[in-house]
Amino acid sequence: MFRIPTLLFAFCILNICFTQNWIDTLEHPRNVVLEEFTGIYCGFCPYGHQIAHSIDSANPGRVSIIGIHSSDTYSQPGSAAHPDFRTQWGLNLQSFSGLTGFPSGMVNRTIYGGKKAMSRFDWEAATDSIFELGNSEVNIGMRSLWNESTRTLSIDVELYYHEEQNLFNKLNLAITESNVIGYQGGSQGGASYSHAHVLRDLISAVEANSWSGVKVDDIVTGELQTFNFEYVVDAGWDIENCELVAFVTKFSNSETLHGVHINAANDSTIINSSTSNISELNKAYDIKAFPNPANEFINFKGTTQIDKIIIYDLLGNLVKSESINDDNYRLDLTDLNNGLYFYEVHFGMENQKGRFIH
């Protein structure tokens, strides 16, 4: 039996801009989505897992991995003690890929060496060839909010196009889980193998029995499109080990244009991008926000004059805006509820984004 999670979908498309977006309008290098076909009884698959991990480690933040267990031969449990990672979408994706053996993988669903589903030995070179294509035609932003009591994820995915498309595109949204302990053939771990990036479901499969993504039409360069999903997470999955992967393909589901991933629970692309920006700007301006987590106050300190501090809540609502003319400022938080907040520190023509917990 396929293990199909309980689903609840509410889907709409809004052509609006929120107070704080999870996307920017700058051009960015295109990212890679590696859809890896694997199985618990595949003796060579642990080597494939190692190669995928190596590609990910060599390109931090630029590679999203989706581990697809599709074949009954390699994935159907022969023992009640062995995990069943199959989904209702696996066989459709396997057929689409045209694979002839396991492990195989699609790298941005493009043709490399005459094949869409290629050997593990070709994944690295195919990834490099995608990176050499330059900037992506579309930016993808994503934000997720987690409701523990209902086990519901509220997910916003934003698209911003730099180039016109010949026809409509498809938006794909997957949920994966890592650190899942279970049997794996061909591994030293045996029954204690730690499985990573296991595809749990395609959230974007809003049509019954369809693995295809959500249609993105009326594409206009320079305009924002926002897609909203609500998804009930299976009680057997550890949300702290789950990721969301969003990627855009051309109308035929081939040729992935770009992809991003975030933690499934209370994360966003703004948080992820701001982390690297903070490191770079700290070198130049030594801007610090502390303590973090914060109680009644949070301090902002830098080596240059701070002009303004703006605070947003997790929903993107503006909750504070303070004009400053100093390099050191103590911000009062006593009127804010506990939770995760985003800040913008403005100094001259520059600004720095970050986050803190109150």
Protein backbone atom coordinates (compact mmCIF):
# COMPACT_ATOMS: atom_id res chain seq x y z
CA MET A 1 0.00 0.00 0.00
CA PHE A 2 1.14 3.51 -0.73
CA ARG A 3 1.45 5.66 2.38
CA ILE A 4 -0.66 8.68 1.48
CA PRO A 5 -0.72 11.53 4.03
CA THR A 6 -3.87 13.35 5.01
CA LEU A 7 -4.20 16.48 2.87
CA LEU A 8 -6.05 19.74 3.20
CA PHE A 9 -5.62 22.28 0.43
CA ALA A 10 -6.66 25.86 0.12
CA PHE A 11 -5.20 27.36 -3.02
CA CYS A 12 -5.44 30.81 -4.52
CA ILE A 13 -3.33 33.15 -6.60
CA LEU A 14 -2.87 36.76 -5.62
CA ASN A 15 -1.16 39.34 -7.79
CA ILE A 16 -0.33 41.57 -4.83
CA CYS A 17 2.76 42.66 -2.91
CA PHE A 18 2.84 42.23 0.86
CA THR A 19 4.47 44.72 3.20
CA GLN A 20 7.48 42.43 3.38
CA ASN A 21 8.11 40.10 0.47
CA TRP A 22 10.05 36.84 0.53
CA ILE A 23 11.70 37.68 -2.76
CA ASP A 24 13.79 40.42 -4.33
CA THR A 25 13.94 41.75 -7.88
CA LEU A 26 17.67 41.37 -8.48
CA GLU A 27 18.93 38.77 -10.94
CA HIS A 28 20.39 35.66 -9.32
CA PRO A 29 22.36 32.68 -10.63
CA ARG A 30 20.08 29.75 -11.37
CA ASN A 31 19.94 26.95 -8.83
CA VAL A 32 19.82 23.20 -9.33
CA VAL A 33 17.10 20.74 -8.34
CA LEU A 34 18.38 17.15 -8.24
CA GLU A 35 15.53 14.64 -8.33
CA GLU A 36 17.21 11.44 -7.23
CA PHE A 37 15.56 8.08 -7.90
CA THR A 38 16.59 5.67 -5.18
CA GLY A 39 15.42 2.67 -3.16
CA ILE A 40 15.98 0.83 0.10
CA TYR A 41 16.97 -2.40 -1.71
CA CYS A 42 19.27 -0.69 -4.20
CA GLY A 43 22.85 -1.71 -3.40
CA PHE A 44 24.45 1.18 -5.28
CA CYS A 45 22.05 3.82 -3.96
CA PRO A 46 24.08 4.73 -0.85
CA TYR A 47 26.88 5.76 -3.22
CA GLY A 48 24.36 7.91 -5.06
CA HIS A 49 23.36 9.50 -1.75
CA GLN A 50 27.02 10.33 -1.10
CA ILE A 51 27.42 11.94 -4.52
CA ALA A 52 24.27 14.03 -4.03
CA HIS A 53 25.49 15.13 -0.59
CA SER A 54 28.89 16.04 -2.04
CA ILE A 55 27.31 18.21 -4.77
CA ASP A 56 25.13 19.91 -2.16
CA SER A 57 28.09 20.55 0.18
CA ALA A 58 30.19 22.01 -2.65
CA ASN A 59 27.42 24.47 -3.59
CA PRO A 60 25.78 25.60 -0.33
CA GLY A 61 22.28 26.95 -0.80
CA ARG A 62 22.25 26.33 -4.54
CA VAL A 63 21.22 22.67 -4.74
CA SER A 64 17.86 21.21 -3.67
CA ILE A 65 17.65 17.41 -3.44
CA ILE A 66 14.46 15.36 -3.69
CA GLY A 67 14.86 11.64 -3.01
CA ILE A 68 12.17 9.72 -4.89
CA HIS A 69 11.38 6.13 -3.94
CA SER A 70 9.38 4.84 -6.86
CA SER A 71 10.21 1.27 -7.87
CA ASP A 72 8.32 -1.63 -6.30
CA THR A 73 11.42 -3.75 -6.89
CA TYR A 74 13.68 -1.47 -4.87
CA SER A 75 11.26 0.37 -2.57
CA GLN A 76 8.39 -1.95 -1.63
CA PRO A 77 9.19 -3.21 1.89
CA GLY A 78 9.86 -6.92 2.13
CA SER A 79 9.62 -6.73 5.90
CA ALA A 80 7.34 -4.90 8.31
CA ALA A 81 10.51 -3.52 9.91
CA HIS A 82 11.60 -1.80 6.70
CA PRO A 83 10.36 1.71 5.80
CA ASP A 84 7.97 2.46 2.96
CA PHE A 85 9.04 5.74 1.36
CA ARG A 86 6.90 5.41 -1.76
CA THR A 87 4.37 8.10 -2.65
CA GLN A 88 1.50 8.18 -5.08
CA TRP A 89 3.64 10.33 -7.38
CA GLY A 90 6.76 8.18 -7.61
CA LEU A 91 5.83 5.98 -10.55
CA ASN A 92 4.62 8.99 -12.56
CA LEU A 93 7.92 10.78 -12.00
CA GLN A 94 9.87 7.62 -12.80
CA SER A 95 7.99 7.21 -16.10
CA PHE A 96 8.52 10.88 -16.94
CA SER A 97 12.26 10.59 -16.30
CA GLY A 98 12.78 7.66 -18.67
CA LEU A 99 15.23 6.04 -16.27
CA THR A 100 16.70 2.63 -17.09
CA GLY A 101 18.34 1.84 -13.74
CA PHE A 102 18.85 2.84 -10.12
CA PRO A 103 20.14 5.15 -8.84
CA SER A 104 19.33 7.74 -11.48
CA GLY A 105 18.69 11.44 -11.28
CA MET A 106 17.22 14.38 -13.15
CA VAL A 107 19.23 17.60 -12.90
CA ASN A 108 16.82 20.46 -13.58
CA ARG A 109 14.93 18.01 -15.79
CA THR A 110 17.25 18.83 -18.68
CA ILE A 111 18.81 16.51 -21.24
CA TYR A 112 22.46 15.75 -20.49
CA GLY A 113 24.41 13.19 -22.48
CA GLY A 114 21.24 12.37 -24.39
CA LYS A 115 19.29 11.47 -21.21
CA LYS A 116 16.94 13.19 -18.81
CA ALA A 117 17.45 10.55 -16.08
CA MET A 118 21.19 10.14 -15.87
CA SER A 119 23.69 8.01 -14.03
CA ARG A 120 25.00 9.19 -10.67
CA PHE A 121 28.38 9.66 -12.31
CA ASP A 122 26.93 12.46 -14.49
CA TRP A 123 25.17 14.49 -11.77
CA GLU A 124 28.14 16.68 -10.90
CA ALA A 125 28.99 17.58 -14.51
CA ALA A 126 25.32 18.24 -15.28
CA THR A 127 25.10 20.51 -12.23
CA ASP A 128 28.13 22.47 -13.38
CA SER A 129 26.61 22.86 -16.85
CA ILE A 130 23.44 24.34 -15.30
CA PHE A 131 25.46 26.82 -13.28
CA GLU A 132 27.27 27.90 -16.45
CA LEU A 133 23.96 29.00 -17.99
CA GLY A 134 24.07 32.15 -15.88
CA ASN A 135 21.19 33.92 -14.19
CA SER A 136 17.72 32.49 -13.80
CA GLU A 137 14.73 33.86 -15.70
CA VAL A 138 12.67 33.83 -12.51
CA ASN A 139 13.20 34.57 -8.82
CA ILE A 140 11.46 32.35 -6.27
CA GLY A 141 10.65 33.47 -2.73
CA MET A 142 9.04 31.28 -0.10
CA ARG A 143 7.77 31.59 3.49
CA SER A 144 6.21 28.93 5.74
CA LEU A 145 4.26 29.24 9.00
CA TRP A 146 3.75 26.17 11.21
CA ASN A 147 0.71 25.58 13.43
CA GLU A 148 1.68 22.85 15.87
CA SER A 149 -1.84 22.27 17.23
CA THR A 150 -3.35 21.55 13.79
CA ARG A 151 -0.08 20.34 12.18
CA THR A 152 -0.81 22.73 9.33
CA LEU A 153 1.73 24.53 7.15
CA SER A 154 0.71 27.85 5.58
CA ILE A 155 3.03 28.42 2.65
CA ASP A 156 3.50 31.46 0.42
CA VAL A 157 5.51 31.11 -2.80
CA GLU A 158 6.33 34.25 -4.78
CA LEU A 159 7.58 34.45 -8.36
CA TYR A 160 9.20 37.42 -10.09
CA TYR A 161 10.11 37.06 -13.78
CA HIS A 162 13.02 38.75 -15.53
CA GLU A 163 12.23 37.26 -18.95
CA GLU A 164 9.07 36.53 -20.89
CA GLN A 165 8.13 32.88 -21.39
CA ASN A 166 6.85 31.36 -24.63
CA LEU A 167 4.00 29.61 -22.83
CA PHE A 168 2.86 29.08 -19.25
CA ASN A 169 5.15 27.61 -16.59
CA LYS A 170 4.55 25.10 -13.79
CA LEU A 171 5.19 25.74 -10.09
CA ASN A 172 6.18 22.62 -8.17
CA LEU A 173 6.23 22.42 -4.36
CA ALA A 174 7.56 19.32 -2.58
CA ILE A 175 7.96 18.40 1.07
CA THR A 176 10.90 16.17 2.01
CA GLU A 177 12.15 14.66 5.27
CA SER A 178 15.70 13.90 6.41
CA ASN A 179 17.27 12.02 9.31
CA VAL A 180 14.77 9.20 8.88
CA ILE A 181 16.26 6.04 10.36
CA GLY A 182 15.52 2.80 8.51
CA TYR A 183 16.90 -0.07 6.50
CA GLN A 184 19.11 0.60 3.46
CA GLY A 185 20.67 -2.15 1.39
CA GLY A 186 24.31 -1.75 0.40
CA SER A 187 25.08 0.44 3.42
CA GLN A 188 27.17 -0.14 6.50
CA GLY A 189 24.32 1.24 8.60
CA GLY A 190 21.91 -1.52 7.58
CA ALA A 191 18.73 -1.02 9.60
CA SER A 192 20.14 2.16 11.20
CA TYR A 193 20.74 4.07 7.97
CA SER A 194 19.87 7.79 8.05
CA HIS A 195 17.81 8.60 4.97
CA ALA A 196 17.91 12.18 3.68
CA HIS A 197 15.69 14.32 1.42
CA VAL A 198 12.97 11.65 1.24
CA LEU A 199 10.08 12.89 -0.89
CA ARG A 200 6.98 12.80 1.29
CA ASP A 201 4.51 14.55 -0.98
CA LEU A 202 4.00 16.97 -3.84
CA ILE A 203 2.00 19.78 -2.26
CA SER A 204 1.54 21.41 -5.67
CA ALA A 205 -0.36 18.39 -7.01
CA VAL A 206 -3.69 20.15 -6.48
CA GLU A 207 -5.49 18.18 -9.16
CA ALA A 208 -6.59 14.65 -8.26
CA ASN A 209 -4.02 12.01 -9.24
CA SER A 210 -1.87 14.59 -11.05
CA TRP A 211 1.83 15.01 -10.24
CA SER A 212 2.10 18.05 -12.48
CA GLY A 213 2.69 21.43 -10.85
CA VAL A 214 0.40 24.42 -10.60
CA LYS A 215 -0.05 26.35 -13.83
CA VAL A 216 1.63 29.78 -13.90
CA ASP A 217 0.15 31.89 -16.66
CA ASP A 218 -0.28 35.61 -17.40
CA ILE A 219 3.49 35.92 -16.95
CA VAL A 220 4.63 39.54 -17.15
CA THR A 221 8.22 40.59 -16.52
CA GLY A 222 8.60 42.87 -13.53
CA GLU A 223 5.37 41.73 -11.86
CA LEU A 224 4.98 39.59 -8.75
CA GLN A 225 2.79 36.50 -8.52
CA THR A 226 1.99 34.92 -5.16
CA PHE A 227 0.69 31.39 -4.59
CA ASN A 228 -0.72 30.25 -1.25
CA PHE A 229 -0.96 26.67 0.02
CA GLU A 230 -2.28 25.13 3.22
CA TYR A 231 -1.07 21.62 3.98
CA VAL A 232 -1.69 19.22 6.85
CA VAL A 233 1.50 17.34 7.72
CA ASP A 234 1.32 13.62 8.42
CA ALA A 235 1.56 12.84 12.14
CA GLY A 236 4.39 10.39 11.47
CA TRP A 237 6.75 12.99 10.06
CA ASP A 238 9.16 15.06 12.16
CA ILE A 239 8.49 18.64 11.06
CA GLU A 240 11.88 19.77 12.40
CA ASN A 241 13.56 17.51 9.82
CA CYS A 242 11.31 18.48 6.90
CA GLU A 243 12.13 20.86 4.05
CA LEU A 244 10.05 22.57 1.38
CA VAL A 245 11.41 22.66 -2.17
CA ALA A 246 9.84 25.05 -4.69
CA PHE A 247 10.88 25.02 -8.34
CA VAL A 248 9.56 26.32 -11.64
CA THR A 249 9.57 24.32 -14.87
CA LYS A 250 8.50 25.06 -18.41
CA PHE A 251 4.98 24.14 -19.53
CA SER A 252 5.95 20.55 -20.41
CA ASN A 253 7.27 19.99 -16.86
CA SER A 254 10.77 19.81 -18.36
CA GLU A 255 13.65 22.30 -18.01
CA THR A 256 13.59 23.51 -14.43
CA LEU A 257 14.32 27.25 -14.50
CA HIS A 258 15.15 27.72 -10.83
CA GLY A 259 14.58 26.21 -7.39
CA VAL A 260 14.86 27.09 -3.69
CA HIS A 261 14.43 25.24 -0.40
CA ILE A 262 13.71 26.23 3.19
CA ASN A 263 12.97 24.48 6.46
CA ALA A 264 9.33 23.46 6.55
CA ALA A 265 8.56 25.06 9.92
CA ASN A 266 8.71 28.86 10.26
CA ASP A 267 11.36 29.71 7.71
CA SER A 268 11.70 31.93 4.66
CA THR A 269 14.06 32.77 1.84
CA ILE A 270 14.53 36.21 3.42
CA ILE A 271 15.94 34.54 6.53
CA ASN A 272 18.27 32.36 4.48
CA SER A 273 19.55 35.15 2.24
CA SER A 274 20.01 37.54 5.13
CA THR A 275 22.31 35.11 6.91
CA SER A 276 25.03 35.42 4.27
CA ASN A 277 24.47 39.14 3.90
CA ILE A 278 24.98 39.63 7.62
CA SER A 279 28.34 37.90 7.46
CA GLU A 280 29.53 40.10 4.61
CA LEU A 281 28.26 43.36 6.08
CA ASN A 282 29.56 42.61 9.55
CA LYS A 283 33.04 42.60 8.07
CA ALA A 284 32.56 46.11 6.69
CA TYR A 285 30.35 47.70 9.34
CA ASP A 286 30.52 45.33 12.33
CA ILE A 287 26.74 45.53 12.78
CA LYS A 288 25.50 43.39 15.64
CA ALA A 289 22.05 42.67 17.09
CA PHE A 290 22.16 41.24 20.60
CA PRO A 291 21.12 39.47 22.72
CA ASN A 292 19.39 36.99 20.43
CA PRO A 293 17.04 35.61 21.70
CA ALA A 294 16.04 38.92 23.24
CA ASN A 295 13.93 39.68 26.30
CA GLU A 296 12.82 43.24 27.05
CA PHE A 297 15.41 44.92 24.80
CA ILE A 298 17.60 44.22 21.79
CA ASN A 299 20.75 46.23 21.09
CA PHE A 300 21.94 47.30 17.65
CA LYS A 301 25.56 48.33 17.42
CA GLY A 302 27.79 49.15 14.46
CA THR A 303 30.87 51.07 13.42
CA THR A 304 28.81 53.49 11.33
CA GLN A 305 25.84 55.70 12.11
CA ILE A 306 22.48 53.91 12.15
CA ASP A 307 19.71 56.01 10.59
CA LYS A 308 16.65 53.81 11.07
CA ILE A 309 15.57 50.43 12.48
CA ILE A 310 12.44 48.73 11.15
CA ILE A 311 10.87 45.61 12.68
CA TYR A 312 8.41 43.22 10.98
CA ASP A 313 6.56 40.29 12.50
CA LEU A 314 6.44 36.81 10.94
CA LEU A 315 3.39 37.76 8.85
CA GLY A 316 5.26 40.69 7.32
CA ASN A 317 3.42 43.37 9.32
CA LEU A 318 5.38 46.49 10.28
CA VAL A 319 5.43 46.58 14.11
CA LYS A 320 8.16 49.16 14.84
CA SER A 321 10.03 51.92 13.04
CA GLU A 322 12.62 53.98 14.92
CA SER A 323 14.67 56.86 13.52
CA ILE A 324 18.21 56.79 14.93
CA ASN A 325 21.27 59.03 14.65
CA ASP A 326 23.79 56.92 16.50
CA ASP A 327 25.97 53.85 16.09
CA ASN A 328 24.45 52.21 19.16
CA TYR A 329 20.74 51.85 19.98
CA ARG A 330 18.71 49.89 22.51
CA LEU A 331 15.26 48.98 21.17
CA ASP A 332 12.41 48.40 23.61
CA LEU A 333 10.53 45.14 22.91
CA THR A 334 8.17 45.08 25.89
CA ASP A 335 5.14 45.87 23.73
CA LEU A 336 5.76 42.94 21.37
CA ASN A 337 4.45 39.40 21.74
CA ASN A 338 6.92 36.54 21.90
CA GLY A 339 7.92 35.15 18.55
CA LEU A 340 10.21 35.48 15.53
CA TYR A 341 10.83 38.96 14.08
CA PHE A 342 12.73 40.44 11.12
CA TYR A 343 14.70 43.66 11.26
CA GLU A 344 16.10 46.14 8.76
CA VAL A 345 18.92 48.43 9.86
CA HIS A 346 19.35 51.44 7.54
CA PHE A 347 22.64 53.35 7.38
CA GLY A 348 23.20 55.82 4.56
CA MET A 349 22.30 54.20 1.24
CA GLU A 350 22.74 50.70 2.67
CA ASN A 351 20.50 48.46 4.76
CA GLN A 352 20.95 45.17 6.55
CA LYS A 353 18.27 42.55 7.13
CA GLY A 354 18.25 39.93 9.86
CA ARG A 355 16.08 38.17 12.39
CA PHE A 356 15.76 37.73 16.11
CA ILE A 357 13.64 35.79 18.58
CA HIS A 358 11.76 37.62 21.33
